Amino acid sequence: MFGEEMRKLEEEFAKFCGKKYCVSLRSGTDAIETSLRVLSKQNQGLDFLRQSYYYRIPFFTNNVWMKIISVTEEGIMNLELLEEKLKNLQPPICVFITYMNSTQPNLNLLKQLKAKYNFYLVEDACQAVSRTLVGDLSCFSFYPAKILGGIGKGGAIVSDDKGLIDLVRKERDDKWNNLWLDEVKCAFLRVKLKYLKQEIEKRKFVVRKYNEGFQDIKELRILSKDCLQNYIILTETEDGMLSLMDYLRKNEIETFPDKNDFYEGCFENGIRLPIYGELKVKEVDYVIKKIRQFFEK
């Protein structure tokens, strides 16, 4: 059930993330739910706070959540509103933050709030591989569409807290839970992990090219100029988004709308553009060219 490939993957991924410990799991969703469930079991009367732009997690349906309104511009947690909520609560508190599209708030301020109000911090970093981590438990997804994508579903939790990670591992290892990541998937991920830094650098290059190519187009806005998981542009209207997507597909450029049933708070006028390490320079230039042509019509 638990073999050498799993052990090595956990060691190597923890090291990549700059953390001491890692527990691999069946999926990113399981990583998040396991983190929240462990904290809930260990802290009676735990209050949860989360942002309004997040991936829907089944665990939430059975708990009372106090929404924190995300920053409109980039969909990241508004830390001023977070502090307003924290002022009216007493520990134990758990703040669940989502680094949607790999964007993050001011981490120094987040750490200051954590020290001041003494809350647990669980990070949904499923779209934020390689980003700085400041949480007690940080959750990742290895779904094929993620930056570190595997064979089918997969996930992991990393932490510097041995006590918490031992509880996570115990929860994972319960023979009735079936939450573990099998050896074949672990072996595949270990190979991809060797090239992850190169993949991230290539994505950064694509982002820079897009940013430069779109900066003077008044009719669209870049959701974040520092995205690595998804590169999202916003049109002025939803109809404009649909027209642009149709135009790009006719020119053999595959895109996706940001609007879907998996996320709460997603953008109705958002378009996800191709961003992955295998993109060639001429392909990136072609995407930019066609989008510019659309707005010049």
C-alpha atoms as a PDB file:
ATOM      1  CA  MET A   1       0.000   0.000   0.000  1.00  0.00           C
ATOM      2  CA  PHE A   2       2.703   2.518   1.037  1.00  0.00           C
ATOM      3  CA  GLY A   3       5.939   1.997  -0.823  1.00  0.00           C
ATOM      4  CA  GLU A   4       9.313   3.496  -1.635  1.00  0.00           C
ATOM      5  CA  GLU A   5       8.047   5.744  -4.441  1.00  0.00           C
ATOM      6  CA  MET A   6       5.560   7.387  -2.086  1.00  0.00           C
ATOM      7  CA  ARG A   7       8.209   7.921   0.576  1.00  0.00           C
ATOM      8  CA  LYS A   8      10.645   9.468  -1.877  1.00  0.00           C
ATOM      9  CA  LEU A   9       8.001  11.684  -3.487  1.00  0.00           C
ATOM     10  CA  GLU A  10       6.989  13.030  -0.082  1.00  0.00           C
ATOM     11  CA  GLU A  11      10.601  13.767   0.835  1.00  0.00           C
ATOM     12  CA  GLU A  12      11.375  15.416  -2.504  1.00  0.00           C
ATOM     13  CA  PHE A  13       8.199  17.486  -2.687  1.00  0.00           C
ATOM     14  CA  ALA A  14       8.605  18.705   0.899  1.00  0.00           C
ATOM     15  CA  LYS A  15      12.140  19.813   0.017  1.00  0.00           C
ATOM     16  CA  PHE A  16      10.920  21.566  -3.150  1.00  0.00           C
ATOM     17  CA  CYS A  17       8.339  23.476  -1.085  1.00  0.00           C
ATOM     18  CA  GLY A  18      10.883  24.402   1.583  1.00  0.00           C
ATOM     19  CA  LYS A  19       9.014  22.389   4.223  1.00  0.00           C
ATOM     20  CA  LYS A  20      10.035  19.594   6.591  1.00  0.00           C
ATOM     21  CA  TYR A  21       7.156  17.191   6.027  1.00  0.00           C
ATOM     22  CA  CYS A  22       4.788  16.027   3.314  1.00  0.00           C
ATOM     23  CA  VAL A  23       1.855  13.625   3.185  1.00  0.00           C
ATOM     24  CA  SER A  24       0.618  12.583  -0.260  1.00  0.00           C
ATOM     25  CA  LEU A  25      -3.095  11.976  -0.830  1.00  0.00           C
ATOM     26  CA  ARG A  26      -5.577  10.829  -3.450  1.00  0.00           C
ATOM     27  CA  SER A  27      -6.443  14.367  -4.639  1.00  0.00           C
ATOM     28  CA  GLY A  28      -6.110  18.061  -3.900  1.00  0.00           C
ATOM     29  CA  THR A  29      -9.680  18.081  -2.624  1.00  0.00           C
ATOM     30  CA  ASP A  30      -8.772  15.305  -0.174  1.00  0.00           C
ATOM     31  CA  ALA A  31      -5.745  17.317   0.933  1.00  0.00           C
ATOM     32  CA  ILE A  32      -7.907  20.315   1.801  1.00  0.00           C
ATOM     33  CA  GLU A  33     -10.687  18.307   3.415  1.00  0.00           C
ATOM     34  CA  THR A  34      -8.217  16.252   5.480  1.00  0.00           C
ATOM     35  CA  SER A  35      -6.504  19.422   6.735  1.00  0.00           C
ATOM     36  CA  LEU A  36      -9.776  21.031   7.757  1.00  0.00           C
ATOM     37  CA  ARG A  37     -11.135  17.827   9.278  1.00  0.00           C
ATOM     38  CA  VAL A  38      -8.006  17.250  11.394  1.00  0.00           C
ATOM     39  CA  LEU A  39      -8.121  20.794  12.780  1.00  0.00           C
ATOM     40  CA  SER A  40     -11.856  20.522  13.417  1.00  0.00           C
ATOM     41  CA  LYS A  41     -11.422  17.261  15.368  1.00  0.00           C
ATOM     42  CA  GLN A  42      -8.624  18.708  17.501  1.00  0.00           C
ATOM     43  CA  ASN A  43     -10.285  22.048  18.288  1.00  0.00           C
ATOM     44  CA  GLN A  44     -13.796  22.035  19.665  1.00  0.00           C
ATOM     45  CA  GLY A  45     -15.795  25.082  18.573  1.00  0.00           C
ATOM     46  CA  LEU A  46     -13.326  26.012  15.838  1.00  0.00           C
ATOM     47  CA  ASP A  47     -14.443  29.051  13.826  1.00  0.00           C
ATOM     48  CA  PHE A  48     -13.723  28.992  10.085  1.00  0.00           C
ATOM     49  CA  LEU A  49     -13.161  31.955   7.819  1.00  0.00           C
ATOM     50  CA  ARG A  50     -12.667  31.771   4.070  1.00  0.00           C
ATOM     51  CA  GLN A  51     -12.616  34.024   1.049  1.00  0.00           C
ATOM     52  CA  SER A  52     -15.434  34.335  -1.454  1.00  0.00           C
ATOM     53  CA  TYR A  53     -13.366  33.260  -4.503  1.00  0.00           C
ATOM     54  CA  TYR A  54     -12.450  29.615  -3.942  1.00  0.00           C
ATOM     55  CA  TYR A  55     -12.737  26.058  -5.240  1.00  0.00           C
ATOM     56  CA  ARG A  56     -15.900  24.456  -3.885  1.00  0.00           C
ATOM     57  CA  ILE A  57     -15.085  21.859  -1.214  1.00  0.00           C
ATOM     58  CA  PRO A  58     -17.746  19.390   0.059  1.00  0.00           C
ATOM     59  CA  PHE A  59     -16.471  19.851   3.641  1.00  0.00           C
ATOM     60  CA  PHE A  60     -17.898  23.379   3.660  1.00  0.00           C
ATOM     61  CA  THR A  61     -21.510  22.243   3.347  1.00  0.00           C
ATOM     62  CA  ASN A  62     -21.548  20.914   6.906  1.00  0.00           C
ATOM     63  CA  ASN A  63     -19.992  23.972   8.556  1.00  0.00           C
ATOM     64  CA  VAL A  64     -20.855  27.601   9.184  1.00  0.00           C
ATOM     65  CA  TRP A  65     -18.559  29.821   7.109  1.00  0.00           C
ATOM     66  CA  MET A  66     -18.089  33.574   7.377  1.00  0.00           C
ATOM     67  CA  LYS A  67     -17.253  34.867   3.940  1.00  0.00           C
ATOM     68  CA  ILE A  68     -14.348  37.196   3.413  1.00  0.00           C
ATOM     69  CA  ILE A  69     -14.821  39.289   0.298  1.00  0.00           C
ATOM     70  CA  SER A  70     -11.977  38.872  -2.156  1.00  0.00           C
ATOM     71  CA  VAL A  71     -10.101  41.745  -3.701  1.00  0.00           C
ATOM     72  CA  THR A  72     -12.077  42.463  -6.854  1.00  0.00           C
ATOM     73  CA  GLU A  73      -9.094  43.137  -9.066  1.00  0.00           C
ATOM     74  CA  GLU A  74      -7.306  39.820  -8.655  1.00  0.00           C
ATOM     75  CA  GLY A  75      -9.586  37.588  -6.598  1.00  0.00           C
ATOM     76  CA  ILE A  76      -7.300  37.424  -3.573  1.00  0.00           C
ATOM     77  CA  MET A  77      -8.336  37.651   0.065  1.00  0.00           C
ATOM     78  CA  ASN A  78      -8.839  41.175   1.385  1.00  0.00           C
ATOM     79  CA  LEU A  79      -6.703  41.157   4.526  1.00  0.00           C
ATOM     80  CA  GLU A  80      -8.297  44.322   5.905  1.00  0.00           C
ATOM     81  CA  LEU A  81     -11.684  42.621   5.868  1.00  0.00           C
ATOM     82  CA  LEU A  82     -10.092  39.512   7.356  1.00  0.00           C
ATOM     83  CA  GLU A  83      -8.804  41.507  10.327  1.00  0.00           C
ATOM     84  CA  GLU A  84     -12.233  43.072  10.861  1.00  0.00           C
ATOM     85  CA  LYS A  85     -13.675  39.560  11.220  1.00  0.00           C
ATOM     86  CA  LEU A  86     -10.820  38.391  13.459  1.00  0.00           C
ATOM     87  CA  LYS A  87     -11.365  41.265  15.898  1.00  0.00           C
ATOM     88  CA  ASN A  88     -14.725  39.764  16.856  1.00  0.00           C
ATOM     89  CA  LEU A  89     -13.543  36.177  17.343  1.00  0.00           C
ATOM     90  CA  GLN A  90     -11.650  34.227  19.970  1.00  0.00           C
ATOM     91  CA  PRO A  91      -9.376  31.245  19.292  1.00  0.00           C
ATOM     92  CA  PRO A  92      -9.595  28.562  18.103  1.00  0.00           C
ATOM     93  CA  ILE A  93      -9.897  30.021  14.605  1.00  0.00           C
ATOM     94  CA  CYS A  94      -8.997  28.588  11.218  1.00  0.00           C
ATOM     95  CA  VAL A  95      -8.471  30.832   8.199  1.00  0.00           C
ATOM     96  CA  PHE A  96      -8.713  29.028   4.890  1.00  0.00           C
ATOM     97  CA  ILE A  97      -7.069  30.993   2.093  1.00  0.00           C
ATOM     98  CA  THR A  98      -7.056  30.176  -1.613  1.00  0.00           C
ATOM     99  CA  TYR A  99      -4.237  31.220  -3.911  1.00  0.00           C
ATOM    100  CA  MET A 100      -6.474  31.196  -6.951  1.00  0.00           C
ATOM    101  CA  ASN A 101      -4.575  31.308 -10.255  1.00  0.00           C
ATOM    102  CA  SER A 102      -1.356  31.305  -8.141  1.00  0.00           C
ATOM    103  CA  THR A 103      -1.988  34.869  -6.887  1.00  0.00           C
ATOM    104  CA  GLN A 104      -1.263  35.753  -3.252  1.00  0.00           C
ATOM    105  CA  PRO A 105      -1.954  38.651  -0.882  1.00  0.00           C
ATOM    106  CA  ASN A 106       0.724  40.493   1.103  1.00  0.00           C
ATOM    107  CA  LEU A 107       2.268  37.513   2.899  1.00  0.00           C
ATOM    108  CA  ASN A 108       4.152  39.620   5.437  1.00  0.00           C
ATOM    109  CA  LEU A 109       0.869  41.188   6.524  1.00  0.00           C
ATOM    110  CA  LEU A 110      -0.801  37.779   6.596  1.00  0.00           C
ATOM    111  CA  LYS A 111       1.954  36.458   8.892  1.00  0.00           C
ATOM    112  CA  GLN A 112       1.545  39.504  11.152  1.00  0.00           C
ATOM    113  CA  LEU A 113      -2.191  38.860  11.429  1.00  0.00           C
ATOM    114  CA  LYS A 114      -1.537  35.196  12.184  1.00  0.00           C
ATOM    115  CA  ALA A 115       0.821  36.110  15.024  1.00  0.00           C
ATOM    116  CA  LYS A 116      -1.524  38.776  16.372  1.00  0.00           C
ATOM    117  CA  TYR A 117      -4.754  36.754  16.347  1.00  0.00           C
ATOM    118  CA  ASN A 118      -3.304  33.267  16.842  1.00  0.00           C
ATOM    119  CA  PHE A 119      -5.246  31.404  14.136  1.00  0.00           C
ATOM    120  CA  TYR A 120      -4.546  28.256  12.157  1.00  0.00           C
ATOM    121  CA  LEU A 121      -3.833  28.979   8.517  1.00  0.00           C
ATOM    122  CA  VAL A 122      -4.689  26.399   5.855  1.00  0.00           C
ATOM    123  CA  GLU A 123      -3.475  27.295   2.364  1.00  0.00           C
ATOM    124  CA  ASP A 124      -5.147  26.041  -0.780  1.00  0.00           C
ATOM    125  CA  ALA A 125      -1.990  26.205  -2.880  1.00  0.00           C
ATOM    126  CA  CYS A 126      -3.307  23.767  -5.489  1.00  0.00           C
ATOM    127  CA  GLN A 127      -2.741  26.400  -8.186  1.00  0.00           C
ATOM    128  CA  ALA A 128       0.353  27.877  -6.531  1.00  0.00           C
ATOM    129  CA  VAL A 129       3.191  25.373  -6.787  1.00  0.00           C
ATOM    130  CA  SER A 130       6.516  27.214  -6.235  1.00  0.00           C
ATOM    131  CA  ARG A 131       4.924  30.121  -4.346  1.00  0.00           C
ATOM    132  CA  THR A 132       6.019  31.074  -0.808  1.00  0.00           C
ATOM    133  CA  LEU A 133       4.075  29.217   1.901  1.00  0.00           C
ATOM    134  CA  VAL A 134       3.197  30.669   5.312  1.00  0.00           C
ATOM    135  CA  GLY A 135       0.450  28.303   6.509  1.00  0.00           C
ATOM    136  CA  ASP A 136       0.310  25.605   9.159  1.00  0.00           C
ATOM    137  CA  LEU A 137      -0.898  23.195   6.479  1.00  0.00           C
ATOM    138  CA  SER A 138      -0.461  23.857   2.745  1.00  0.00           C
ATOM    139  CA  CYS A 139      -2.461  21.821   0.240  1.00  0.00           C
ATOM    140  CA  PHE A 140      -1.602  20.884  -3.346  1.00  0.00           C
ATOM    141  CA  SER A 141      -3.221  19.158  -6.293  1.00  0.00           C
ATOM    142  CA  PHE A 142      -1.487  16.956  -8.856  1.00  0.00           C
ATOM    143  CA  TYR A 143      -4.472  16.860 -11.204  1.00  0.00           C
ATOM    144  CA  PRO A 144      -3.213  16.675 -14.824  1.00  0.00           C
ATOM    145  CA  ALA A 145      -4.146  20.314 -15.532  1.00  0.00           C
ATOM    146  CA  LYS A 146      -2.067  21.628 -12.622  1.00  0.00           C
ATOM    147  CA  ILE A 147       1.488  22.949 -12.880  1.00  0.00           C
ATOM    148  CA  LEU A 148       2.785  19.665 -11.449  1.00  0.00           C
ATOM    149  CA  GLY A 149       0.246  17.409 -13.136  1.00  0.00           C
ATOM    150  CA  GLY A 150       0.230  13.669 -12.657  1.00  0.00           C
ATOM    151  CA  ILE A 151      -1.610  10.643 -13.993  1.00  0.00           C
ATOM    152  CA  GLY A 152      -5.188  11.272 -12.940  1.00  0.00           C
ATOM    153  CA  LYS A 153      -5.861  12.774  -9.526  1.00  0.00           C
ATOM    154  CA  GLY A 154      -3.341  13.302  -6.757  1.00  0.00           C
ATOM    155  CA  GLY A 155      -2.584  15.686  -3.930  1.00  0.00           C
ATOM    156  CA  ALA A 156      -0.343  16.484  -0.982  1.00  0.00           C
ATOM    157  CA  ILE A 157      -0.111  18.442   2.270  1.00  0.00           C
ATOM    158  CA  VAL A 158       3.158  20.021   3.396  1.00  0.00           C
ATOM    159  CA  SER A 159       3.991  21.499   6.794  1.00  0.00           C
ATOM    160  CA  ASP A 160       6.732  22.288   9.295  1.00  0.00           C
ATOM    161  CA  ASP A 161       4.465  21.203  12.185  1.00  0.00           C
ATOM    162  CA  LYS A 162       5.215  17.565  13.018  1.00  0.00           C
ATOM    163  CA  GLY A 163       2.270  17.294  15.384  1.00  0.00           C
ATOM    164  CA  LEU A 164      -0.220  18.365  12.723  1.00  0.00           C
ATOM    165  CA  ILE A 165       1.399  16.322   9.971  1.00  0.00           C
ATOM    166  CA  ASP A 166       1.296  13.203  12.168  1.00  0.00           C
ATOM    167  CA  LEU A 167      -2.452  13.734  12.619  1.00  0.00           C
ATOM    168  CA  VAL A 168      -2.833  14.206   8.857  1.00  0.00           C
ATOM    169  CA  ARG A 169      -0.891  11.024   8.173  1.00  0.00           C
ATOM    170  CA  LYS A 170      -2.957   9.074  10.690  1.00  0.00           C
ATOM    171  CA  GLU A 171      -6.145  10.311   9.011  1.00  0.00           C
ATOM    172  CA  ARG A 172      -4.746   9.345   5.596  1.00  0.00           C
ATOM    173  CA  ASP A 173      -3.578   5.921   6.707  1.00  0.00           C
ATOM    174  CA  ASP A 174      -6.917   4.831   8.127  1.00  0.00           C
ATOM    175  CA  LYS A 175      -7.567   1.694   6.066  1.00  0.00           C
ATOM    176  CA  TRP A 176     -11.209   2.687   5.568  1.00  0.00           C
ATOM    177  CA  ASN A 177     -10.418   6.063   4.029  1.00  0.00           C
ATOM    178  CA  ASN A 178      -8.602   4.951   0.876  1.00  0.00           C
ATOM    179  CA  LEU A 179      -6.915   8.363   0.662  1.00  0.00           C
ATOM    180  CA  TRP A 180      -3.425   7.312  -0.313  1.00  0.00           C
ATOM    181  CA  LEU A 181      -1.632   8.010  -3.601  1.00  0.00           C
ATOM    182  CA  ASP A 182      -0.550   4.827  -5.366  1.00  0.00           C
ATOM    183  CA  GLU A 183       3.024   3.960  -6.300  1.00  0.00           C
ATOM    184  CA  VAL A 184       2.669   4.400 -10.084  1.00  0.00           C
ATOM    185  CA  LYS A 185       1.383   7.960  -9.700  1.00  0.00           C
ATOM    186  CA  CYS A 186       4.127   8.748  -7.191  1.00  0.00           C
ATOM    187  CA  ALA A 187       6.804   7.444  -9.553  1.00  0.00           C
ATOM    188  CA  PHE A 188       5.438   9.540 -12.422  1.00  0.00           C
ATOM    189  CA  LEU A 189       5.317  12.679 -10.287  1.00  0.00           C
ATOM    190  CA  ARG A 190       8.889  12.155  -9.122  1.00  0.00           C
ATOM    191  CA  VAL A 191      10.069  12.276 -12.733  1.00  0.00           C
ATOM    192  CA  LYS A 192       8.098  15.464 -13.456  1.00  0.00           C
ATOM    193  CA  LEU A 193       9.296  17.049 -10.230  1.00  0.00           C
ATOM    194  CA  LYS A 194      12.857  16.957 -11.572  1.00  0.00           C
ATOM    195  CA  TYR A 195      11.824  19.351 -14.345  1.00  0.00           C
ATOM    196  CA  LEU A 196       9.395  21.506 -12.380  1.00  0.00           C
ATOM    197  CA  LYS A 197      11.725  24.489 -12.025  1.00  0.00           C
ATOM    198  CA  GLN A 198      12.194  24.582 -15.805  1.00  0.00           C
ATOM    199  CA  GLU A 199       8.423  24.350 -16.319  1.00  0.00           C
ATOM    200  CA  ILE A 200       7.848  27.282 -14.000  1.00  0.00           C
ATOM    201  CA  GLU A 201      10.485  29.406 -15.753  1.00  0.00           C
ATOM    202  CA  LYS A 202       8.844  28.679 -19.107  1.00  0.00           C
ATOM    203  CA  ARG A 203       5.453  29.706 -17.731  1.00  0.00           C
ATOM    204  CA  LYS A 204       6.965  32.924 -16.408  1.00  0.00           C
ATOM    205  CA  PHE A 205       8.276  33.622 -19.906  1.00  0.00           C
ATOM    206  CA  VAL A 206       4.803  33.108 -21.409  1.00  0.00           C
ATOM    207  CA  VAL A 207       3.298  35.434 -18.793  1.00  0.00           C
ATOM    208  CA  ARG A 208       5.822  38.167 -19.613  1.00  0.00           C
ATOM    209  CA  LYS A 209       5.067  37.837 -23.326  1.00  0.00           C
ATOM    210  CA  TYR A 210       1.312  38.061 -22.716  1.00  0.00           C
ATOM    211  CA  ASN A 211       1.694  41.038 -20.376  1.00  0.00           C
ATOM    212  CA  GLU A 212       3.727  42.947 -22.949  1.00  0.00           C
ATOM    213  CA  GLY A 213       1.387  41.985 -25.792  1.00  0.00           C
ATOM    214  CA  PHE A 214      -1.833  43.063 -24.067  1.00  0.00           C
ATOM    215  CA  GLN A 215      -0.765  46.049 -21.979  1.00  0.00           C
ATOM    216  CA  ASP A 216      -2.077  48.695 -24.402  1.00  0.00           C
ATOM    217  CA  ILE A 217      -5.420  47.044 -25.252  1.00  0.00           C
ATOM    218  CA  LYS A 218      -7.949  49.248 -23.459  1.00  0.00           C
ATOM    219  CA  GLU A 219     -10.855  46.842 -23.951  1.00  0.00           C
ATOM    220  CA  LEU A 220      -9.396  44.081 -21.790  1.00  0.00           C
ATOM    221  CA  ARG A 221      -7.842  43.728 -18.384  1.00  0.00           C
ATOM    222  CA  ILE A 222      -5.337  41.160 -17.185  1.00  0.00           C
ATOM    223  CA  LEU A 223      -6.673  39.505 -14.038  1.00  0.00           C
ATOM    224  CA  SER A 224      -3.166  39.101 -12.650  1.00  0.00           C
ATOM    225  CA  LYS A 225       0.160  39.856 -14.284  1.00  0.00           C
ATOM    226  CA  ASP A 226       1.818  37.229 -12.108  1.00  0.00           C
ATOM    227  CA  CYS A 227      -0.301  34.128 -12.803  1.00  0.00           C
ATOM    228  CA  LEU A 228       1.355  30.760 -13.348  1.00  0.00           C
ATOM    229  CA  GLN A 229      -1.531  28.289 -13.166  1.00  0.00           C
ATOM    230  CA  ASN A 230      -4.114  30.156 -15.259  1.00  0.00           C
ATOM    231  CA  TYR A 231      -3.583  33.294 -17.332  1.00  0.00           C
ATOM    232  CA  ILE A 232      -6.927  35.094 -17.344  1.00  0.00           C
ATOM    233  CA  ILE A 233      -7.939  38.171 -19.298  1.00  0.00           C
ATOM    234  CA  LEU A 234     -11.193  40.019 -18.650  1.00  0.00           C
ATOM    235  CA  THR A 235     -13.282  41.600 -21.377  1.00  0.00           C
ATOM    236  CA  GLU A 236     -15.674  44.481 -20.677  1.00  0.00           C
ATOM    237  CA  THR A 237     -18.779  42.271 -20.913  1.00  0.00           C
ATOM    238  CA  GLU A 238     -19.730  38.602 -20.929  1.00  0.00           C
ATOM    239  CA  ASP A 239     -20.887  38.955 -24.549  1.00  0.00           C
ATOM    240  CA  GLY A 240     -17.471  40.346 -25.400  1.00  0.00           C
ATOM    241  CA  MET A 241     -15.888  37.319 -23.755  1.00  0.00           C
ATOM    242  CA  LEU A 242     -18.016  34.924 -25.807  1.00  0.00           C
ATOM    243  CA  SER A 243     -17.246  36.774 -29.036  1.00  0.00           C
ATOM    244  CA  LEU A 244     -13.511  36.716 -28.360  1.00  0.00           C
ATOM    245  CA  MET A 245     -13.557  33.025 -27.458  1.00  0.00           C
ATOM    246  CA  ASP A 246     -15.440  32.220 -30.649  1.00  0.00           C
ATOM    247  CA  TYR A 247     -12.940  34.232 -32.700  1.00  0.00           C
ATOM    248  CA  LEU A 248      -9.960  32.482 -31.094  1.00  0.00           C
ATOM    249  CA  ARG A 249     -11.442  29.021 -31.603  1.00  0.00           C
ATOM    250  CA  LYS A 250     -12.028  29.779 -35.283  1.00  0.00           C
ATOM    251  CA  ASN A 251      -8.310  30.571 -35.396  1.00  0.00           C
ATOM    252  CA  GLU A 252      -7.497  27.229 -33.737  1.00  0.00           C
ATOM    253  CA  ILE A 253      -6.652  28.689 -30.324  1.00  0.00           C
ATOM    254  CA  GLU A 254      -8.234  26.706 -27.495  1.00  0.00           C
ATOM    255  CA  THR A 255      -9.525  28.780 -24.596  1.00  0.00           C
ATOM    256  CA  PHE A 256     -11.807  28.262 -21.597  1.00  0.00           C
ATOM    257  CA  PRO A 257     -14.171  30.609 -19.779  1.00  0.00           C
ATOM    258  CA  ASP A 258     -13.332  31.321 -16.155  1.00  0.00           C
ATOM    259  CA  LYS A 259     -17.022  30.960 -15.307  1.00  0.00           C
ATOM    260  CA  ASN A 260     -17.851  27.408 -14.170  1.00  0.00           C
ATOM    261  CA  ASP A 261     -19.546  25.429 -11.418  1.00  0.00           C
ATOM    262  CA  PHE A 262     -16.320  24.438  -9.624  1.00  0.00           C
ATOM    263  CA  TYR A 263     -15.491  27.884  -8.257  1.00  0.00           C
ATOM    264  CA  GLU A 264     -17.449  30.359  -6.210  1.00  0.00           C
ATOM    265  CA  GLY A 265     -16.795  33.967  -7.173  1.00  0.00           C
ATOM    266  CA  CYS A 266     -15.377  33.263 -10.643  1.00  0.00           C
ATOM    267  CA  PHE A 267     -15.455  35.913 -13.368  1.00  0.00           C
ATOM    268  CA  GLU A 268     -18.288  35.801 -15.903  1.00  0.00           C
ATOM    269  CA  ASN A 269     -16.265  37.788 -18.436  1.00  0.00           C
ATOM    270  CA  GLY A 270     -12.960  35.960 -17.932  1.00  0.00           C
ATOM    271  CA  ILE A 271     -11.060  33.902 -20.517  1.00  0.00           C
ATOM    272  CA  ARG A 272      -8.259  31.456 -19.731  1.00  0.00           C
ATOM    273  CA  LEU A 273      -5.493  31.547 -22.325  1.00  0.00           C
ATOM    274  CA  PRO A 274      -2.997  28.756 -23.083  1.00  0.00           C
ATOM    275  CA  ILE A 275      -0.142  28.705 -20.568  1.00  0.00           C
ATOM    276  CA  TYR A 276       2.138  25.688 -20.255  1.00  0.00           C
ATOM    277  CA  GLY A 277       5.805  24.971 -20.639  1.00  0.00           C
ATOM    278  CA  GLU A 278       5.542  23.241 -24.024  1.00  0.00           C
ATOM    279  CA  LEU A 279       4.216  26.376 -25.745  1.00  0.00           C
ATOM    280  CA  LYS A 280       6.583  27.595 -28.443  1.00  0.00           C
ATOM    281  CA  VAL A 281       7.484  31.265 -28.818  1.00  0.00           C
ATOM    282  CA  LYS A 282       5.771  31.422 -32.203  1.00  0.00           C
ATOM    283  CA  GLU A 283       2.598  29.972 -30.679  1.00  0.00           C
ATOM    284  CA  VAL A 284       2.556  32.580 -27.909  1.00  0.00           C
ATOM    285  CA  ASP A 285       3.127  35.295 -30.502  1.00  0.00           C
ATOM    286  CA  TYR A 286       0.252  33.881 -32.568  1.00  0.00           C
ATOM    287  CA  VAL A 287      -2.154  34.069 -29.604  1.00  0.00           C
ATOM    288  CA  ILE A 288      -1.135  37.693 -28.970  1.00  0.00           C
ATOM    289  CA  LYS A 289      -1.450  38.554 -32.662  1.00  0.00           C
ATOM    290  CA  LYS A 290      -4.974  37.145 -32.964  1.00  0.00           C
ATOM    291  CA  ILE A 291      -6.220  38.858 -29.810  1.00  0.00           C
ATOM    292  CA  ARG A 292      -4.814  42.172 -31.005  1.00  0.00           C
ATOM    293  CA  GLN A 293      -6.470  41.649 -34.388  1.00  0.00           C
ATOM    294  CA  PHE A 294      -9.809  41.021 -32.678  1.00  0.00           C
ATOM    295  CA  PHE A 295      -9.727  44.339 -30.845  1.00  0.00           C
ATOM    296  CA  GLU A 296      -8.453  46.231 -33.877  1.00  0.00           C
ATOM    297  CA  LYS A 297     -11.471  45.210 -35.961  1.00  0.00           C
END
